[in-house]
Amino acid sequence: MRKSFIIFILFLTACSSNFPEQMKAESLVKIKLHSFNNSNNYKIISFKSFHPNYTTFEDDINYNKYKTIPSKLDSIKRNYKPFIAGWVMYVRFSGYDEHGKFGTHTYQCAFNSKLSKIVVSIEVDGMSI
């Protein structure tokens, strides 16, 4: 019994690991949707696939300089520490889009790394998420 309780707590913790970040992102999306619509004229259907985007060793400042030298490139790969470059979330809503078209829309929203603003939002209607 105790073991299953611990497993349940660990599972719950793992599922909610991005919870504060996701709440920030959802509030930014609601502000964005409010700019398209009157607050009474849209309904959020779902938020999906909230995840961070990490940098790669190709983003290292020395990559372009040393990419033709295999030993230096191996060193860059070995020592590179990725960090969060931004966040991405999909939102599906019913209401007006940014072009004034009414219907059900799906947007991919990209956020900065601090989750303080939406960098870009792209309509991706017709894509399965």
C-alpha atoms as a PDB file:
ATOM      1  CA  MET A   1       0.000   0.000   0.000  1.00  0.00           C
ATOM      2  CA  ARG A   2       2.706   2.439   0.967  1.00  0.00           C
ATOM      3  CA  LYS A   3       4.711   1.621  -2.157  1.00  0.00           C
ATOM      4  CA  SER A   4       1.723   2.270  -4.428  1.00  0.00           C
ATOM      5  CA  PHE A   5       1.083   5.580  -2.650  1.00  0.00           C
ATOM      6  CA  ILE A   6       4.679   6.681  -3.279  1.00  0.00           C
ATOM      7  CA  ILE A   7       4.397   5.677  -6.940  1.00  0.00           C
ATOM      8  CA  PHE A   8       1.153   7.653  -7.200  1.00  0.00           C
ATOM      9  CA  ILE A   9       2.775  10.755  -5.680  1.00  0.00           C
ATOM     10  CA  LEU A  10       5.745  10.464  -8.041  1.00  0.00           C
ATOM     11  CA  PHE A  11       3.404  10.091 -11.002  1.00  0.00           C
ATOM     12  CA  LEU A  12       1.391  13.107  -9.916  1.00  0.00           C
ATOM     13  CA  THR A  13       4.555  15.177  -9.498  1.00  0.00           C
ATOM     14  CA  ALA A  14       5.832  14.167 -12.927  1.00  0.00           C
ATOM     15  CA  CYS A  15       2.536  15.056 -14.580  1.00  0.00           C
ATOM     16  CA  SER A  16       2.440  18.520 -13.051  1.00  0.00           C
ATOM     17  CA  SER A  17       6.108  19.424 -13.478  1.00  0.00           C
ATOM     18  CA  ASN A  18       5.367  22.188 -16.019  1.00  0.00           C
ATOM     19  CA  PHE A  19       2.179  23.305 -14.289  1.00  0.00           C
ATOM     20  CA  PRO A  20       3.223  26.850 -13.231  1.00  0.00           C
ATOM     21  CA  GLU A  21       4.779  27.491 -16.634  1.00  0.00           C
ATOM     22  CA  GLN A  22       1.725  26.144 -18.409  1.00  0.00           C
ATOM     23  CA  MET A  23      -0.569  28.398 -16.368  1.00  0.00           C
ATOM     24  CA  LYS A  24       1.529  31.436 -17.379  1.00  0.00           C
ATOM     25  CA  ALA A  25       1.365  30.383 -21.021  1.00  0.00           C
ATOM     26  CA  GLU A  26      -2.394  29.844 -20.878  1.00  0.00           C
ATOM     27  CA  SER A  27      -2.936  33.310 -19.411  1.00  0.00           C
ATOM     28  CA  LEU A  28      -0.833  34.869 -22.196  1.00  0.00           C
ATOM     29  CA  VAL A  29      -2.882  32.990 -24.799  1.00  0.00           C
ATOM     30  CA  LYS A  30      -6.115  34.228 -23.204  1.00  0.00           C
ATOM     31  CA  ILE A  31      -4.830  37.815 -23.436  1.00  0.00           C
ATOM     32  CA  LYS A  32      -3.963  37.242 -27.110  1.00  0.00           C
ATOM     33  CA  LEU A  33      -7.408  35.773 -27.845  1.00  0.00           C
ATOM     34  CA  HIS A  34      -9.034  38.659 -26.028  1.00  0.00           C
ATOM     35  CA  SER A  35      -7.293  41.008 -28.494  1.00  0.00           C
ATOM     36  CA  PHE A  36      -8.994  39.110 -31.376  1.00  0.00           C
ATOM     37  CA  ASN A  37     -12.411  38.909 -29.708  1.00  0.00           C
ATOM     38  CA  ASN A  38     -14.634  40.447 -27.135  1.00  0.00           C
ATOM     39  CA  SER A  39     -14.229  38.354 -23.977  1.00  0.00           C
ATOM     40  CA  ASN A  40     -17.742  36.928 -24.498  1.00  0.00           C
ATOM     41  CA  ASN A  41     -17.160  35.977 -28.142  1.00  0.00           C
ATOM     42  CA  TYR A  42     -14.650  33.129 -27.898  1.00  0.00           C
ATOM     43  CA  LYS A  43     -14.436  29.788 -26.193  1.00  0.00           C
ATOM     44  CA  ILE A  44     -11.202  27.905 -25.604  1.00  0.00           C
ATOM     45  CA  ILE A  45     -11.679  24.270 -26.543  1.00  0.00           C
ATOM     46  CA  SER A  46      -8.279  22.933 -25.517  1.00  0.00           C
ATOM     47  CA  PHE A  47      -4.636  23.617 -24.803  1.00  0.00           C
ATOM     48  CA  LYS A  48      -2.266  20.908 -26.031  1.00  0.00           C
ATOM     49  CA  SER A  49       1.370  19.943 -26.277  1.00  0.00           C
ATOM     50  CA  PHE A  50       2.968  22.508 -23.981  1.00  0.00           C
ATOM     51  CA  HIS A  51       6.711  21.926 -24.149  1.00  0.00           C
ATOM     52  CA  PRO A  52      10.067  23.722 -24.048  1.00  0.00           C
ATOM     53  CA  ASN A  53      12.394  24.165 -27.018  1.00  0.00           C
ATOM     54  CA  TYR A  54      16.025  23.597 -26.161  1.00  0.00           C
ATOM     55  CA  THR A  55      19.118  24.902 -27.901  1.00  0.00           C
ATOM     56  CA  THR A  56      21.549  22.460 -29.544  1.00  0.00           C
ATOM     57  CA  PHE A  57      25.320  22.404 -29.906  1.00  0.00           C
ATOM     58  CA  GLU A  58      24.814  24.049 -33.329  1.00  0.00           C
ATOM     59  CA  ASP A  59      23.700  27.178 -31.450  1.00  0.00           C
ATOM     60  CA  ASP A  60      27.085  27.452 -29.713  1.00  0.00           C
ATOM     61  CA  ILE A  61      28.960  30.648 -30.635  1.00  0.00           C
ATOM     62  CA  ASN A  62      31.999  28.628 -31.744  1.00  0.00           C
ATOM     63  CA  TYR A  63      30.114  26.119 -33.899  1.00  0.00           C
ATOM     64  CA  ASN A  64      30.400  27.930 -37.250  1.00  0.00           C
ATOM     65  CA  LYS A  65      34.043  28.719 -36.633  1.00  0.00           C
ATOM     66  CA  TYR A  66      35.081  25.127 -35.821  1.00  0.00           C
ATOM     67  CA  LYS A  67      32.509  22.938 -37.602  1.00  0.00           C
ATOM     68  CA  THR A  68      35.082  21.828 -40.203  1.00  0.00           C
ATOM     69  CA  ILE A  69      37.597  20.690 -37.557  1.00  0.00           C
ATOM     70  CA  PRO A  70      36.406  17.294 -36.212  1.00  0.00           C
ATOM     71  CA  SER A  71      38.319  17.410 -32.920  1.00  0.00           C
ATOM     72  CA  LYS A  72      36.998  20.887 -32.058  1.00  0.00           C
ATOM     73  CA  LEU A  73      33.487  19.900 -33.116  1.00  0.00           C
ATOM     74  CA  ASP A  74      33.611  16.843 -30.845  1.00  0.00           C
ATOM     75  CA  SER A  75      34.709  19.057 -27.975  1.00  0.00           C
ATOM     76  CA  ILE A  76      31.827  21.465 -28.604  1.00  0.00           C
ATOM     77  CA  LYS A  77      29.349  18.552 -28.674  1.00  0.00           C
ATOM     78  CA  ARG A  78      30.747  17.034 -25.493  1.00  0.00           C
ATOM     79  CA  ASN A  79      30.812  20.249 -23.462  1.00  0.00           C
ATOM     80  CA  TYR A  80      27.655  21.928 -24.703  1.00  0.00           C
ATOM     81  CA  LYS A  81      24.932  22.484 -22.105  1.00  0.00           C
ATOM     82  CA  PRO A  82      21.506  23.053 -23.681  1.00  0.00           C
ATOM     83  CA  PHE A  83      19.143  25.638 -22.245  1.00  0.00           C
ATOM     84  CA  ILE A  84      15.521  26.558 -22.848  1.00  0.00           C
ATOM     85  CA  ALA A  85      15.243  28.876 -25.839  1.00  0.00           C
ATOM     86  CA  GLY A  86      11.461  29.178 -25.675  1.00  0.00           C
ATOM     87  CA  TRP A  87       8.178  27.363 -25.151  1.00  0.00           C
ATOM     88  CA  VAL A  88       5.464  26.147 -27.535  1.00  0.00           C
ATOM     89  CA  MET A  89       1.780  25.455 -26.993  1.00  0.00           C
ATOM     90  CA  TYR A  90      -1.183  24.704 -29.236  1.00  0.00           C
ATOM     91  CA  VAL A  91      -4.575  26.242 -28.531  1.00  0.00           C
ATOM     92  CA  ARG A  92      -7.872  25.339 -30.159  1.00  0.00           C
ATOM     93  CA  PHE A  93     -10.685  27.835 -29.806  1.00  0.00           C
ATOM     94  CA  SER A  94     -13.987  28.859 -31.269  1.00  0.00           C
ATOM     95  CA  GLY A  95     -14.375  32.529 -32.143  1.00  0.00           C
ATOM     96  CA  TYR A  96     -12.794  35.139 -34.381  1.00  0.00           C
ATOM     97  CA  ASP A  97      -9.193  34.717 -35.512  1.00  0.00           C
ATOM     98  CA  GLU A  98      -6.743  37.577 -36.036  1.00  0.00           C
ATOM     99  CA  HIS A  99      -8.151  38.159 -39.554  1.00  0.00           C
ATOM    100  CA  GLY A 100     -11.733  38.489 -38.337  1.00  0.00           C
ATOM    101  CA  LYS A 101     -12.837  35.076 -39.620  1.00  0.00           C
ATOM    102  CA  PHE A 102     -15.300  33.308 -37.312  1.00  0.00           C
ATOM    103  CA  GLY A 103     -14.987  29.568 -36.712  1.00  0.00           C
ATOM    104  CA  THR A 104     -12.956  26.951 -34.907  1.00  0.00           C
ATOM    105  CA  HIS A 105      -9.239  27.690 -35.106  1.00  0.00           C
ATOM    106  CA  THR A 106      -6.005  26.067 -33.985  1.00  0.00           C
ATOM    107  CA  TYR A 107      -2.960  28.217 -33.256  1.00  0.00           C
ATOM    108  CA  GLN A 108       0.614  27.324 -32.442  1.00  0.00           C
ATOM    109  CA  CYS A 109       1.923  29.889 -29.974  1.00  0.00           C
ATOM    110  CA  ALA A 110       5.636  30.358 -29.352  1.00  0.00           C
ATOM    111  CA  PHE A 111       6.698  32.060 -26.121  1.00  0.00           C
ATOM    112  CA  ASN A 112      10.001  33.556 -25.034  1.00  0.00           C
ATOM    113  CA  SER A 113      12.091  31.609 -22.525  1.00  0.00           C
ATOM    114  CA  LYS A 114      10.817  33.624 -19.543  1.00  0.00           C
ATOM    115  CA  LEU A 115       7.167  33.162 -20.550  1.00  0.00           C
ATOM    116  CA  SER A 116       6.593  36.893 -20.453  1.00  0.00           C
ATOM    117  CA  LYS A 117       5.236  37.297 -24.003  1.00  0.00           C
ATOM    118  CA  ILE A 118       4.076  35.458 -27.092  1.00  0.00           C
ATOM    119  CA  VAL A 119       6.787  35.786 -29.728  1.00  0.00           C
ATOM    120  CA  VAL A 120       4.648  34.522 -32.602  1.00  0.00           C
ATOM    121  CA  SER A 121       1.301  32.819 -33.096  1.00  0.00           C
ATOM    122  CA  ILE A 122       0.636  30.876 -36.276  1.00  0.00           C
ATOM    123  CA  GLU A 123      -2.711  29.543 -37.386  1.00  0.00           C
ATOM    124  CA  VAL A 124      -2.365  25.820 -38.065  1.00  0.00           C
ATOM    125  CA  ASP A 125      -5.944  24.827 -38.904  1.00  0.00           C
ATOM    126  CA  GLY A 126      -6.239  21.387 -40.427  1.00  0.00           C
ATOM    127  CA  MET A 127      -3.222  19.966 -38.592  1.00  0.00           C
ATOM    128  CA  SER A 128      -3.774  17.133 -36.185  1.00  0.00           C
ATOM    129  CA  ILE A 129      -2.093  17.786 -32.864  1.00  0.00           C
END
